[in-house]
Amino acid sequence: MSDTTIDKVSGAQAPQGPDGQRHLATGKQVAMRMWVDEAPTDDKPSAARPYETVGYVISGRAELVIEGRTVRLEPGDSWLVPAGAEHTYRILERFTAIEATSPPA
């Protein structure tokens, strides 16, 4: 059996990132983060990241604009942003979601 390390990140003590995200568990190949109660906005800058992102909407509504196409995100929806894809988000109503990135962002 390989050397196994179990890390737990308590939600109440998860470190907060510069954009308001909460950094959750992170491994060598994948990392999770949570966006909590993000306020409505339509001025997030567009970006292309060197990692793949998948996400799951817990509450609220947003639009993902990816490579010129708009995808509406609602509670229970999940999404994928491939590595290198130009994208941005428009938060339509207070938004909470979990994202995982690979490799870790």
PDB file of N, CA and C in Angstrom:
ATOM      1  N   MET A   1       0.841  -1.179   0.000  1.00  0.00           N
ATOM      2  CA  MET A   1       0.000   0.000   0.000  1.00  0.00           C
ATOM      3  C   MET A   1       0.888   1.244   0.000  1.00  0.00           C
ATOM      4  N   SER A   2       0.480   2.262  -0.723  1.00  0.00           N
ATOM      5  CA  SER A   2       1.262   3.491  -0.790  1.00  0.00           C
ATOM      6  C   SER A   2       1.108   4.305   0.493  1.00  0.00           C
ATOM      7  N   ASP A   3       2.017   5.242   0.696  1.00  0.00           N
ATOM      8  CA  ASP A   3       1.951   6.134   1.847  1.00  0.00           C
ATOM      9  C   ASP A   3       0.746   7.054   1.664  1.00  0.00           C
ATOM     10  N   THR A   4      -0.213   6.958   2.571  1.00  0.00           N
ATOM     11  CA  THR A   4      -1.455   7.714   2.439  1.00  0.00           C
ATOM     12  C   THR A   4      -1.553   8.773   3.526  1.00  0.00           C
ATOM     13  N   THR A   5      -1.839   9.994   3.115  1.00  0.00           N
ATOM     14  CA  THR A   5      -2.059  11.086   4.046  1.00  0.00           C
ATOM     15  C   THR A   5      -3.505  11.526   3.903  1.00  0.00           C
ATOM     16  N   ILE A   6      -4.176  11.706   5.026  1.00  0.00           N
ATOM     17  CA  ILE A   6      -5.553  12.192   5.005  1.00  0.00           C
ATOM     18  C   ILE A   6      -5.540  13.596   5.573  1.00  0.00           C
ATOM     19  N   ASP A   7      -5.981  14.554   4.766  1.00  0.00           N
ATOM     20  CA  ASP A   7      -6.072  15.941   5.207  1.00  0.00           C
ATOM     21  C   ASP A   7      -7.526  16.331   5.284  1.00  0.00           C
ATOM     22  N   LYS A   8      -7.883  17.030   6.343  1.00  0.00           N
ATOM     23  CA  LYS A   8      -9.237  17.545   6.510  1.00  0.00           C
ATOM     24  C   LYS A   8      -9.142  19.055   6.624  1.00  0.00           C
ATOM     25  N   VAL A   9     -10.031  19.743   5.910  1.00  0.00           N
ATOM     26  CA  VAL A   9     -10.131  21.189   6.031  1.00  0.00           C
ATOM     27  C   VAL A   9     -11.507  21.481   6.590  1.00  0.00           C
ATOM     28  N   SER A  10     -11.554  22.025   7.777  1.00  0.00           N
ATOM     29  CA  SER A  10     -12.823  22.378   8.410  1.00  0.00           C
ATOM     30  C   SER A  10     -13.419  23.574   7.681  1.00  0.00           C
ATOM     31  N   GLY A  11     -14.681  23.483   7.319  1.00  0.00           N
ATOM     32  CA  GLY A  11     -15.331  24.567   6.595  1.00  0.00           C
ATOM     33  C   GLY A  11     -15.250  25.900   7.302  1.00  0.00           C
ATOM     34  N   ALA A  12     -15.361  25.876   8.616  1.00  0.00           N
ATOM     35  CA  ALA A  12     -15.327  27.115   9.391  1.00  0.00           C
ATOM     36  C   ALA A  12     -13.933  27.741   9.403  1.00  0.00           C
ATOM     37  N   GLN A  13     -12.895  26.945   9.135  1.00  0.00           N
ATOM     38  CA  GLN A  13     -11.533  27.450   9.207  1.00  0.00           C
ATOM     39  C   GLN A  13     -10.814  27.417   7.862  1.00  0.00           C
ATOM     40  N   ALA A  14     -11.550  27.202   6.781  1.00  0.00           N
ATOM     41  CA  ALA A  14     -10.937  27.153   5.452  1.00  0.00           C
ATOM     42  C   ALA A  14     -10.304  28.503   5.125  1.00  0.00           C
ATOM     43  N   PRO A  15      -9.056  28.495   4.660  1.00  0.00           N
ATOM     44  CA  PRO A  15      -8.412  29.761   4.312  1.00  0.00           C
ATOM     45  C   PRO A  15      -9.137  30.454   3.169  1.00  0.00           C
ATOM     46  N   GLN A  16      -9.198  31.778   3.219  1.00  0.00           N
ATOM     47  CA  GLN A  16      -9.877  32.549   2.183  1.00  0.00           C
ATOM     48  C   GLN A  16      -8.859  33.090   1.205  1.00  0.00           C
ATOM     49  N   GLY A  17      -9.191  32.982  -0.088  1.00  0.00           N
ATOM     50  CA  GLY A  17      -8.310  33.472  -1.135  1.00  0.00           C
ATOM     51  C   GLY A  17      -8.550  34.937  -1.438  1.00  0.00           C
ATOM     52  N   PRO A  18      -7.734  35.515  -2.308  1.00  0.00           N
ATOM     53  CA  PRO A  18      -7.803  36.950  -2.600  1.00  0.00           C
ATOM     54  C   PRO A  18      -9.096  37.387  -3.289  1.00  0.00           C
ATOM     55  N   ASP A  19      -9.796  36.450  -3.936  1.00  0.00           N
ATOM     56  CA  ASP A  19     -11.041  36.793  -4.622  1.00  0.00           C
ATOM     57  C   ASP A  19     -12.269  36.402  -3.811  1.00  0.00           C
ATOM     58  N   GLY A  20     -12.080  36.027  -2.549  1.00  0.00           N
ATOM     59  CA  GLY A  20     -13.194  35.668  -1.683  1.00  0.00           C
ATOM     60  C   GLY A  20     -13.491  34.182  -1.629  1.00  0.00           C
ATOM     61  N   GLN A  21     -12.813  33.374  -2.427  1.00  0.00           N
ATOM     62  CA  GLN A  21     -13.044  31.929  -2.417  1.00  0.00           C
ATOM     63  C   GLN A  21     -12.488  31.305  -1.154  1.00  0.00           C
ATOM     64  N   ARG A  22     -13.103  30.207  -0.718  1.00  0.00           N
ATOM     65  CA  ARG A  22     -12.578  29.438   0.414  1.00  0.00           C
ATOM     66  C   ARG A  22     -11.835  28.238  -0.143  1.00  0.00           C
ATOM     67  N   HIS A  23     -10.587  28.094   0.256  1.00  0.00           N
ATOM     68  CA  HIS A  23      -9.783  26.966  -0.220  1.00  0.00           C
ATOM     69  C   HIS A  23     -10.090  25.742   0.634  1.00  0.00           C
ATOM     70  N   LEU A  24     -10.535  24.682  -0.013  1.00  0.00           N
ATOM     71  CA  LEU A  24     -10.895  23.445   0.666  1.00  0.00           C
ATOM     72  C   LEU A  24      -9.752  22.445   0.497  1.00  0.00           C
ATOM     73  N   ALA A  25     -10.048  21.157   0.509  1.00  0.00           N
ATOM     74  CA  ALA A  25      -9.008  20.125   0.401  1.00  0.00           C
ATOM     75  C   ALA A  25      -8.246  20.251  -0.920  1.00  0.00           C
ATOM     76  N   THR A  26      -6.933  20.032  -0.842  1.00  0.00           N
ATOM     77  CA  THR A  26      -6.062  20.099  -2.014  1.00  0.00           C
ATOM     78  C   THR A  26      -5.114  18.911  -1.997  1.00  0.00           C
ATOM     79  N   GLY A  27      -5.006  18.250  -3.141  1.00  0.00           N
ATOM     80  CA  GLY A  27      -4.073  17.145  -3.294  1.00  0.00           C
ATOM     81  C   GLY A  27      -3.025  17.489  -4.331  1.00  0.00           C
ATOM     82  N   LYS A  28      -2.335  16.475  -4.808  1.00  0.00           N
ATOM     83  CA  LYS A  28      -1.304  16.684  -5.824  1.00  0.00           C
ATOM     84  C   LYS A  28      -1.914  16.902  -7.209  1.00  0.00           C
ATOM     85  N   GLN A  29      -3.085  16.323  -7.461  1.00  0.00           N
ATOM     86  CA  GLN A  29      -3.695  16.376  -8.792  1.00  0.00           C
ATOM     87  C   GLN A  29      -4.962  17.216  -8.877  1.00  0.00           C
ATOM     88  N   VAL A  30      -5.575  17.533  -7.728  1.00  0.00           N
ATOM     89  CA  VAL A  30      -6.852  18.248  -7.748  1.00  0.00           C
ATOM     90  C   VAL A  30      -6.985  19.112  -6.496  1.00  0.00           C
ATOM     91  N   ALA A  31      -7.719  20.217  -6.630  1.00  0.00           N
ATOM     92  CA  ALA A  31      -7.997  21.101  -5.490  1.00  0.00           C
ATOM     93  C   ALA A  31      -9.456  21.521  -5.546  1.00  0.00           C
ATOM     94  N   MET A  32     -10.028  21.754  -4.359  1.00  0.00           N
ATOM     95  CA  MET A  32     -11.410  22.238  -4.280  1.00  0.00           C
ATOM     96  C   MET A  32     -11.430  23.620  -3.649  1.00  0.00           C
ATOM     97  N   ARG A  33     -12.407  24.403  -4.096  1.00  0.00           N
ATOM     98  CA  ARG A  33     -12.645  25.704  -3.486  1.00  0.00           C
ATOM     99  C   ARG A  33     -14.142  25.970  -3.514  1.00  0.00           C
ATOM    100  N   MET A  34     -14.574  26.874  -2.664  1.00  0.00           N
ATOM    101  CA  MET A  34     -15.997  27.177  -2.551  1.00  0.00           C
ATOM    102  C   MET A  34     -16.188  28.681  -2.628  1.00  0.00           C
ATOM    103  N   TRP A  35     -17.144  29.074  -3.422  1.00  0.00           N
ATOM    104  CA  TRP A  35     -17.541  30.475  -3.522  1.00  0.00           C
ATOM    105  C   TRP A  35     -18.845  30.594  -2.748  1.00  0.00           C
ATOM    106  N   VAL A  36     -18.881  31.420  -1.715  1.00  0.00           N
ATOM    107  CA  VAL A  36     -20.026  31.497  -0.817  1.00  0.00           C
ATOM    108  C   VAL A  36     -20.721  32.847  -0.944  1.00  0.00           C
ATOM    109  N   ASP A  37     -22.001  32.801  -1.299  1.00  0.00           N
ATOM    110  CA  ASP A  37     -22.843  33.988  -1.284  1.00  0.00           C
ATOM    111  C   ASP A  37     -22.238  35.138  -2.091  1.00  0.00           C
ATOM    112  N   GLU A  38     -21.718  34.815  -3.282  1.00  0.00           N
ATOM    113  CA  GLU A  38     -21.153  35.838  -4.160  1.00  0.00           C
ATOM    114  C   GLU A  38     -22.247  36.799  -4.609  1.00  0.00           C
ATOM    115  N   ALA A  39     -21.989  38.081  -4.487  1.00  0.00           N
ATOM    116  CA  ALA A  39     -22.972  39.108  -4.854  1.00  0.00           C
ATOM    117  C   ALA A  39     -23.118  39.208  -6.372  1.00  0.00           C
ATOM    118  N   PRO A  40     -24.311  39.596  -6.845  1.00  0.00           N
ATOM    119  CA  PRO A  40     -24.511  39.774  -8.283  1.00  0.00           C
ATOM    120  C   PRO A  40     -23.503  40.765  -8.865  1.00  0.00           C
ATOM    121  N   THR A  41     -22.997  40.420 -10.043  1.00  0.00           N
ATOM    122  CA  THR A  41     -22.058  41.273 -10.762  1.00  0.00           C
ATOM    123  C   THR A  41     -21.988  40.832 -12.207  1.00  0.00           C
ATOM    124  N   ASP A  42     -21.662  41.755 -13.072  1.00  0.00           N
ATOM    125  CA  ASP A  42     -21.448  41.384 -14.472  1.00  0.00           C
ATOM    126  C   ASP A  42     -20.127  41.948 -14.979  1.00  0.00           C
ATOM    127  N   ASP A  43     -19.244  42.317 -14.046  1.00  0.00           N
ATOM    128  CA  ASP A  43     -17.989  42.938 -14.462  1.00  0.00           C
ATOM    129  C   ASP A  43     -16.752  42.115 -14.114  1.00  0.00           C
ATOM    130  N   LYS A  44     -16.923  40.801 -13.951  1.00  0.00           N
ATOM    131  CA  LYS A  44     -15.747  39.959 -13.708  1.00  0.00           C
ATOM    132  C   LYS A  44     -14.919  39.910 -14.996  1.00  0.00           C
ATOM    133  N   PRO A  45     -13.604  40.072 -14.894  1.00  0.00           N
ATOM    134  CA  PRO A  45     -12.785  40.035 -16.105  1.00  0.00           C
ATOM    135  C   PRO A  45     -12.744  38.638 -16.716  1.00  0.00           C
ATOM    136  N   SER A  46     -12.607  38.598 -18.019  1.00  0.00           N
ATOM    137  CA  SER A  46     -12.465  37.336 -18.737  1.00  0.00           C
ATOM    138  C   SER A  46     -11.056  36.804 -18.509  1.00  0.00           C
ATOM    139  N   ALA A  47     -10.931  35.463 -18.461  1.00  0.00           N
ATOM    140  CA  ALA A  47      -9.626  34.855 -18.205  1.00  0.00           C
ATOM    141  C   ALA A  47      -9.534  33.503 -18.893  1.00  0.00           C
ATOM    142  N   ALA A  48      -8.325  33.076 -19.141  1.00  0.00           N
ATOM    143  CA  ALA A  48      -8.035  31.719 -19.617  1.00  0.00           C
ATOM    144  C   ALA A  48      -7.007  31.157 -18.642  1.00  0.00           C
ATOM    145  N   ARG A  49      -7.348  30.071 -17.982  1.00  0.00           N
ATOM    146  CA  ARG A  49      -6.499  29.504 -16.931  1.00  0.00           C
ATOM    147  C   ARG A  49      -5.799  28.240 -17.439  1.00  0.00           C
ATOM    148  N   PRO A  50      -4.622  27.920 -16.886  1.00  0.00           N
ATOM    149  CA  PRO A  50      -3.879  26.742 -17.341  1.00  0.00           C
ATOM    150  C   PRO A  50      -4.366  25.440 -16.706  1.00  0.00           C
ATOM    151  N   TYR A  51      -5.501  25.480 -16.018  1.00  0.00           N
ATOM    152  CA  TYR A  51      -6.044  24.291 -15.374  1.00  0.00           C
ATOM    153  C   TYR A  51      -7.502  24.088 -15.781  1.00  0.00           C
ATOM    154  N   GLU A  52      -7.962  22.855 -15.657  1.00  0.00           N
ATOM    155  CA  GLU A  52      -9.354  22.497 -15.928  1.00  0.00           C
ATOM    156  C   GLU A  52     -10.167  22.758 -14.658  1.00  0.00           C
ATOM    157  N   THR A  53     -11.397  23.247 -14.835  1.00  0.00           N
ATOM    158  CA  THR A  53     -12.275  23.518 -13.697  1.00  0.00           C
ATOM    159  C   THR A  53     -13.615  22.830 -13.908  1.00  0.00           C
ATOM    160  N   VAL A  54     -14.086  22.133 -12.877  1.00  0.00           N
ATOM    161  CA  VAL A  54     -15.464  21.638 -12.863  1.00  0.00           C
ATOM    162  C   VAL A  54     -16.136  22.264 -11.650  1.00  0.00           C
ATOM    163  N   GLY A  55     -17.437  22.504 -11.764  1.00  0.00           N
ATOM    164  CA  GLY A  55     -18.133  23.149 -10.662  1.00  0.00           C
ATOM    165  C   GLY A  55     -19.532  22.595 -10.478  1.00  0.00           C
ATOM    166  N   TYR A  56     -20.112  22.915  -9.316  1.00  0.00           N
ATOM    167  CA  TYR A  56     -21.460  22.483  -8.961  1.00  0.00           C
ATOM    168  C   TYR A  56     -22.142  23.633  -8.222  1.00  0.00           C
ATOM    169  N   VAL A  57     -23.344  24.016  -8.685  1.00  0.00           N
ATOM    170  CA  VAL A  57     -24.087  25.120  -8.077  1.00  0.00           C
ATOM    171  C   VAL A  57     -24.888  24.618  -6.886  1.00  0.00           C
ATOM    172  N   ILE A  58     -24.662  25.239  -5.734  1.00  0.00           N
ATOM    173  CA  ILE A  58     -25.432  24.927  -4.531  1.00  0.00           C
ATOM    174  C   ILE A  58     -26.665  25.820  -4.457  1.00  0.00           C
ATOM    175  N   SER A  59     -26.476  27.126  -4.660  1.00  0.00           N
ATOM    176  CA  SER A  59     -27.610  28.054  -4.635  1.00  0.00           C
ATOM    177  C   SER A  59     -27.306  29.268  -5.488  1.00  0.00           C
ATOM    178  N   GLY A  60     -28.359  29.954  -5.889  1.00  0.00           N
ATOM    179  CA  GLY A  60     -28.208  31.145  -6.709  1.00  0.00           C
ATOM    180  C   GLY A  60     -28.183  30.823  -8.193  1.00  0.00           C
ATOM    181  N   ARG A  61     -27.940  31.867  -8.980  1.00  0.00           N
ATOM    182  CA  ARG A  61     -27.907  31.721 -10.428  1.00  0.00           C
ATOM    183  C   ARG A  61     -26.783  32.568 -11.002  1.00  0.00           C
ATOM    184  N   ALA A  62     -26.187  32.051 -12.078  1.00  0.00           N
ATOM    185  CA  ALA A  62     -25.107  32.762 -12.755  1.00  0.00           C
ATOM    186  C   ALA A  62     -25.118  32.367 -14.222  1.00  0.00           C
ATOM    187  N   GLU A  63     -24.344  33.090 -14.993  1.00  0.00           N
ATOM    188  CA  GLU A  63     -24.095  32.717 -16.385  1.00  0.00           C
ATOM    189  C   GLU A  63     -22.595  32.543 -16.550  1.00  0.00           C
ATOM    190  N   LEU A  64     -22.226  31.455 -17.189  1.00  0.00           N
ATOM    191  CA  LEU A  64     -20.850  31.197 -17.574  1.00  0.00           C
ATOM    192  C   LEU A  64     -20.739  31.566 -19.044  1.00  0.00           C
ATOM    193  N   VAL A  65     -19.871  32.505 -19.355  1.00  0.00           N
ATOM    194  CA  VAL A  65     -19.630  32.889 -20.750  1.00  0.00           C
ATOM    195  C   VAL A  65     -18.283  32.288 -21.115  1.00  0.00           C
ATOM    196  N   ILE A  66     -18.331  31.301 -22.012  1.00  0.00           N
ATOM    197  CA  ILE A  66     -17.125  30.555 -22.361  1.00  0.00           C
ATOM    198  C   ILE A  66     -16.977  30.489 -23.874  1.00  0.00           C
ATOM    199  N   GLU A  67     -15.839  31.004 -24.340  1.00  0.00           N
ATOM    200  CA  GLU A  67     -15.549  31.004 -25.777  1.00  0.00           C
ATOM    201  C   GLU A  67     -16.712  31.581 -26.583  1.00  0.00           C
ATOM    202  N   GLY A  68     -17.336  32.661 -26.066  1.00  0.00           N
ATOM    203  CA  GLY A  68     -18.417  33.344 -26.779  1.00  0.00           C
ATOM    204  C   GLY A  68     -19.792  32.733 -26.602  1.00  0.00           C
ATOM    205  N   ARG A  69     -19.908  31.639 -25.871  1.00  0.00           N
ATOM    206  CA  ARG A  69     -21.200  30.981 -25.647  1.00  0.00           C
ATOM    207  C   ARG A  69     -21.622  31.195 -24.196  1.00  0.00           C
ATOM    208  N   THR A  70     -22.902  31.446 -23.961  1.00  0.00           N
ATOM    209  CA  THR A  70     -23.411  31.682 -22.614  1.00  0.00           C
ATOM    210  C   THR A  70     -24.181  30.462 -22.127  1.00  0.00           C
ATOM    211  N   VAL A  71     -23.834  30.004 -20.923  1.00  0.00           N
ATOM    212  CA  VAL A  71     -24.477  28.849 -20.307  1.00  0.00           C
ATOM    213  C   VAL A  71     -25.058  29.311 -18.971  1.00  0.00           C
ATOM    214  N   ARG A  72     -26.347  29.118 -18.770  1.00  0.00           N
ATOM    215  CA  ARG A  72     -26.988  29.502 -17.508  1.00  0.00           C
ATOM    216  C   ARG A  72     -26.736  28.423 -16.455  1.00  0.00           C
ATOM    217  N   LEU A  73     -26.367  28.843 -15.251  1.00  0.00           N
ATOM    218  CA  LEU A  73     -26.080  27.931 -14.148  1.00  0.00           C
ATOM    219  C   LEU A  73     -27.093  28.149 -13.039  1.00  0.00           C
ATOM    220  N   GLU A  74     -27.766  27.068 -12.623  1.00  0.00           N
ATOM    221  CA  GLU A  74     -28.786  27.114 -11.578  1.00  0.00           C
ATOM    222  C   GLU A  74     -28.518  26.013 -10.564  1.00  0.00           C
ATOM    223  N   PRO A  75     -29.165  26.069  -9.386  1.00  0.00           N
ATOM    224  CA  PRO A  75     -28.917  25.045  -8.369  1.00  0.00           C
ATOM    225  C   PRO A  75     -29.046  23.628  -8.927  1.00  0.00           C
ATOM    226  N   GLY A  76     -28.054  22.800  -8.614  1.00  0.00           N
ATOM    227  CA  GLY A  76     -28.022  21.422  -9.089  1.00  0.00           C
ATOM    228  C   GLY A  76     -27.257  21.238 -10.385  1.00  0.00           C
ATOM    229  N   ASP A  77     -26.947  22.330 -11.089  1.00  0.00           N
ATOM    230  CA  ASP A  77     -26.183  22.239 -12.337  1.00  0.00           C
ATOM    231  C   ASP A  77     -24.700  22.058 -12.042  1.00  0.00           C
ATOM    232  N   SER A  78     -24.010  21.395 -12.949  1.00  0.00           N
ATOM    233  CA  SER A  78     -22.551  21.321 -12.888  1.00  0.00           C
ATOM    234  C   SER A  78     -22.003  21.776 -14.236  1.00  0.00           C
ATOM    235  N   TRP A  79     -20.724  22.157 -14.259  1.00  0.00           N
ATOM    236  CA  TRP A  79     -20.132  22.671 -15.488  1.00  0.00           C
ATOM    237  C   TRP A  79     -18.659  22.322 -15.572  1.00  0.00           C
ATOM    238  N   LEU A  80     -18.124  22.491 -16.776  1.00  0.00           N
ATOM    239  CA  LEU A  80     -16.707  22.258 -17.051  1.00  0.00           C
ATOM    240  C   LEU A  80     -16.159  23.446 -17.822  1.00  0.00           C
ATOM    241  N   VAL A  81     -15.005  23.936 -17.408  1.00  0.00           N
ATOM    242  CA  VAL A  81     -14.234  24.912 -18.179  1.00  0.00           C
ATOM    243  C   VAL A  81     -12.906  24.235 -18.506  1.00  0.00           C
ATOM    244  N   PRO A  82     -12.680  23.893 -19.780  1.00  0.00           N
ATOM    245  CA  PRO A  82     -11.417  23.249 -20.146  1.00  0.00           C
ATOM    246  C   PRO A  82     -10.225  24.184 -19.909  1.00  0.00           C
ATOM    247  N   ALA A  83      -9.074  23.606 -19.664  1.00  0.00           N
ATOM    248  CA  ALA A  83      -7.853  24.396 -19.522  1.00  0.00           C
ATOM    249  C   ALA A  83      -7.654  25.248 -20.769  1.00  0.00           C
ATOM    250  N   GLY A  84      -7.319  26.508 -20.579  1.00  0.00           N
ATOM    251  CA  GLY A  84      -7.041  27.410 -21.693  1.00  0.00           C
ATOM    252  C   GLY A  84      -8.248  28.079 -22.322  1.00  0.00           C
ATOM    253  N   ALA A  85      -9.466  27.720 -21.902  1.00  0.00           N
ATOM    254  CA  ALA A  85     -10.676  28.307 -22.492  1.00  0.00           C
ATOM    255  C   ALA A  85     -10.926  29.707 -21.922  1.00  0.00           C
ATOM    256  N   GLU A  86     -11.127  30.670 -22.793  1.00  0.00           N
ATOM    257  CA  GLU A  86     -11.448  32.039 -22.376  1.00  0.00           C
ATOM    258  C   GLU A  86     -12.859  32.040 -21.796  1.00  0.00           C
ATOM    259  N   HIS A  87     -13.015  32.579 -20.571  1.00  0.00           N
ATOM    260  CA  HIS A  87     -14.322  32.541 -19.918  1.00  0.00           C
ATOM    261  C   HIS A  87     -14.470  33.628 -18.853  1.00  0.00           C
ATOM    262  N   THR A  88     -15.715  33.878 -18.468  1.00  0.00           N
ATOM    263  CA  THR A  88     -16.042  34.756 -17.363  1.00  0.00           C
ATOM    264  C   THR A  88     -17.385  34.322 -16.791  1.00  0.00           C
ATOM    265  N   TYR A  89     -17.719  34.849 -15.635  1.00  0.00           N
ATOM    266  CA  TYR A  89     -19.000  34.547 -14.985  1.00  0.00           C
ATOM    267  C   TYR A  89     -19.768  35.836 -14.754  1.00  0.00           C
ATOM    268  N   ARG A  90     -21.086  35.780 -14.940  1.00  0.00           N
ATOM    269  CA  ARG A  90     -21.987  36.856 -14.537  1.00  0.00           C
ATOM    270  C   ARG A  90     -22.839  36.297 -13.408  1.00  0.00           C
ATOM    271  N   ILE A  91     -22.730  36.856 -12.232  1.00  0.00           N
ATOM    272  CA  ILE A  91     -23.539  36.401 -11.103  1.00  0.00           C
ATOM    273  C   ILE A  91     -24.869  37.131 -11.179  1.00  0.00           C
ATOM    274  N   LEU A  92     -25.967  36.385 -11.324  1.00  0.00           N
ATOM    275  CA  LEU A  92     -27.297  36.970 -11.487  1.00  0.00           C
ATOM    276  C   LEU A  92     -28.019  37.156 -10.154  1.00  0.00           C
ATOM    277  N   GLU A  93     -27.800  36.228  -9.227  1.00  0.00           N
ATOM    278  CA  GLU A  93     -28.331  36.356  -7.864  1.00  0.00           C
ATOM    279  C   GLU A  93     -27.361  35.661  -6.931  1.00  0.00           C
ATOM    280  N   ARG A  94     -27.367  36.025  -5.674  1.00  0.00           N
ATOM    281  CA  ARG A  94     -26.389  35.504  -4.702  1.00  0.00           C
ATOM    282  C   ARG A  94     -26.074  34.049  -5.011  1.00  0.00           C
ATOM    283  N   PHE A  95     -24.786  33.736  -5.133  1.00  0.00           N
ATOM    284  CA  PHE A  95     -24.326  32.489  -5.741  1.00  0.00           C
ATOM    285  C   PHE A  95     -23.362  31.753  -4.819  1.00  0.00           C
ATOM    286  N   THR A  96     -23.638  30.471  -4.585  1.00  0.00           N
ATOM    287  CA  THR A  96     -22.737  29.605  -3.832  1.00  0.00           C
ATOM    288  C   THR A  96     -22.468  28.361  -4.672  1.00  0.00           C
ATOM    289  N   ALA A  97     -21.189  28.056  -4.854  1.00  0.00           N
ATOM    290  CA  ALA A  97     -20.816  26.914  -5.697  1.00  0.00           C
ATOM    291  C   ALA A  97     -19.498  26.315  -5.213  1.00  0.00           C
ATOM    292  N   ILE A  98     -19.305  25.058  -5.542  1.00  0.00           N
ATOM    293  CA  ILE A  98     -18.043  24.348  -5.288  1.00  0.00           C
ATOM    294  C   ILE A  98     -17.359  24.158  -6.639  1.00  0.00           C
ATOM    295  N   GLU A  99     -16.060  24.375  -6.681  1.00  0.00           N
ATOM    296  CA  GLU A  99     -15.278  24.102  -7.879  1.00  0.00           C
ATOM    297  C   GLU A  99     -14.116  23.182  -7.525  1.00  0.00           C
ATOM    298  N   ALA A 100     -13.710  22.392  -8.488  1.00  0.00           N
ATOM    299  CA  ALA A 100     -12.499  21.586  -8.372  1.00  0.00           C
ATOM    300  C   ALA A 100     -11.625  21.925  -9.590  1.00  0.00           C
ATOM    301  N   THR A 101     -10.336  22.050  -9.354  1.00  0.00           N
ATOM    302  CA  THR A 101      -9.406  22.364 -10.437  1.00  0.00           C
ATOM    303  C   THR A 101      -8.326  21.298 -10.529  1.00  0.00           C
ATOM    304  N   SER A 102      -7.913  21.004 -11.749  1.00  0.00           N
ATOM    305  CA  SER A 102      -6.857  20.036 -11.966  1.00  0.00           C
ATOM    306  C   SER A 102      -5.982  20.517 -13.111  1.00  0.00           C
ATOM    307  N   PRO A 103      -4.687  20.655 -12.853  1.00  0.00           N
ATOM    308  CA  PRO A 103      -4.025  20.533 -11.552  1.00  0.00           C
ATOM    309  C   PRO A 103      -4.500  21.634 -10.613  1.00  0.00           C
ATOM    310  N   PRO A 104      -4.133  21.538  -9.325  1.00  0.00           N
ATOM    311  CA  PRO A 104      -4.604  22.521  -8.353  1.00  0.00           C
ATOM    312  C   PRO A 104      -4.319  23.963  -8.786  1.00  0.00           C
ATOM    313  N   ALA A 105      -5.324  24.816  -8.599  1.00  0.00           N
ATOM    314  CA  ALA A 105      -5.162  26.240  -8.948  1.00  0.00           C
ATOM    315  C   ALA A 105      -4.356  26.945  -7.878  1.00  0.00           C
TER     316      ALA A 105
END
